[in-house]
Amino acid sequence: MKKLLYIVAVAALFLGQQVVQGIFMSDNISNLSHIIGGLVGAASGFALAKEQGPSSHAG
């Protein structure tokens, strides 16, 4: 449960930062692509972790 809380907190910070930058900053980097990349990366990580089973580093 503790790990899930950390994952949700990091995701919220990441998404919040990207939304704020998308609203207030004008640059050539697409913030939407960063958000989509983060979601795809998270989904890939969860899928790979499920395939490998429990980790010996679980704490």
C-alpha atoms as a PDB file:
ATOM      1  CA  MET A   1       0.000   0.000   0.000  1.00  0.00           C
ATOM      2  CA  LYS A   2       2.896   2.312   0.813  1.00  0.00           C
ATOM      3  CA  LYS A   3       4.366   1.905  -2.679  1.00  0.00           C
ATOM      4  CA  LEU A   4       1.038   2.697  -4.308  1.00  0.00           C
ATOM      5  CA  LEU A   5       0.840   5.924  -2.315  1.00  0.00           C
ATOM      6  CA  TYR A   6       4.303   6.943  -3.529  1.00  0.00           C
ATOM      7  CA  ILE A   7       3.402   6.129  -7.132  1.00  0.00           C
ATOM      8  CA  VAL A   8       0.208   8.190  -6.948  1.00  0.00           C
ATOM      9  CA  ALA A   9       2.047  11.108  -5.305  1.00  0.00           C
ATOM     10  CA  VAL A  10       4.799  11.130  -7.944  1.00  0.00           C
ATOM     11  CA  ALA A  11       2.242  10.884 -10.750  1.00  0.00           C
ATOM     12  CA  ALA A  12       0.239  13.780  -9.298  1.00  0.00           C
ATOM     13  CA  LEU A  13       3.358  15.940  -9.011  1.00  0.00           C
ATOM     14  CA  PHE A  14       4.450  15.086 -12.548  1.00  0.00           C
ATOM     15  CA  LEU A  15       1.040  15.753 -14.079  1.00  0.00           C
ATOM     16  CA  GLY A  16       0.587  18.936 -12.051  1.00  0.00           C
ATOM     17  CA  GLN A  17       3.945  20.268 -13.183  1.00  0.00           C
ATOM     18  CA  GLN A  18       3.177  19.529 -16.830  1.00  0.00           C
ATOM     19  CA  VAL A  19      -0.246  21.171 -16.644  1.00  0.00           C
ATOM     20  CA  VAL A  20       1.169  24.311 -14.997  1.00  0.00           C
ATOM     21  CA  GLN A  21       3.971  24.523 -17.563  1.00  0.00           C
ATOM     22  CA  GLY A  22       1.464  24.018 -20.381  1.00  0.00           C
ATOM     23  CA  ILE A  23      -0.629  26.922 -19.137  1.00  0.00           C
ATOM     24  CA  PHE A  24       2.020  29.441 -18.092  1.00  0.00           C
ATOM     25  CA  MET A  25       5.110  28.690 -20.209  1.00  0.00           C
ATOM     26  CA  SER A  26       5.540  29.154 -23.907  1.00  0.00           C
ATOM     27  CA  ASP A  27       8.197  26.831 -25.272  1.00  0.00           C
ATOM     28  CA  ASN A  28       8.586  24.353 -28.113  1.00  0.00           C
ATOM     29  CA  ILE A  29       8.155  21.279 -25.927  1.00  0.00           C
ATOM     30  CA  SER A  30       4.775  19.622 -26.045  1.00  0.00           C
ATOM     31  CA  ASN A  31       3.617  19.088 -22.484  1.00  0.00           C
ATOM     32  CA  LEU A  32       0.868  16.783 -23.690  1.00  0.00           C
ATOM     33  CA  SER A  33       3.499  14.450 -25.131  1.00  0.00           C
ATOM     34  CA  HIS A  34       5.257  14.401 -21.751  1.00  0.00           C
ATOM     35  CA  ILE A  35       2.001  13.459 -20.033  1.00  0.00           C
ATOM     36  CA  ILE A  36       1.266  10.716 -22.574  1.00  0.00           C
ATOM     37  CA  GLY A  37       4.842   9.438 -22.307  1.00  0.00           C
ATOM     38  CA  GLY A  38       4.555   9.266 -18.539  1.00  0.00           C
ATOM     39  CA  LEU A  39       1.314   7.317 -18.740  1.00  0.00           C
ATOM     40  CA  VAL A  40       2.724   4.898 -21.322  1.00  0.00           C
ATOM     41  CA  GLY A  41       5.873   4.428 -19.253  1.00  0.00           C
ATOM     42  CA  ALA A  42       3.879   3.764 -16.095  1.00  0.00           C
ATOM     43  CA  ALA A  43       1.624   1.272 -17.867  1.00  0.00           C
ATOM     44  CA  SER A  44       4.655  -0.490 -19.349  1.00  0.00           C
ATOM     45  CA  GLY A  45       6.354  -0.648 -15.972  1.00  0.00           C
ATOM     46  CA  PHE A  46       3.291  -2.137 -14.309  1.00  0.00           C
ATOM     47  CA  ALA A  47       2.857  -4.677 -17.125  1.00  0.00           C
ATOM     48  CA  LEU A  48       6.501  -5.772 -16.944  1.00  0.00           C
ATOM     49  CA  ALA A  49       6.397  -5.969 -13.158  1.00  0.00           C
ATOM     50  CA  LYS A  50       3.304  -8.165 -13.321  1.00  0.00           C
ATOM     51  CA  GLU A  51       5.014 -10.550 -15.767  1.00  0.00           C
ATOM     52  CA  GLN A  52       8.115 -10.886 -13.597  1.00  0.00           C
ATOM     53  CA  GLY A  53       6.235 -11.491 -10.375  1.00  0.00           C
ATOM     54  CA  PRO A  54       7.192 -10.255  -6.914  1.00  0.00           C
ATOM     55  CA  SER A  55      10.576  -8.595  -6.614  1.00  0.00           C
ATOM     56  CA  SER A  56      13.165  -9.533  -4.018  1.00  0.00           C
ATOM     57  CA  HIS A  57      13.612  -5.776  -3.440  1.00  0.00           C
ATOM     58  CA  ALA A  58      10.048  -5.296  -2.238  1.00  0.00           C
ATOM     59  CA  GLY A  59       9.966  -3.396   0.996  1.00  0.00           C
END
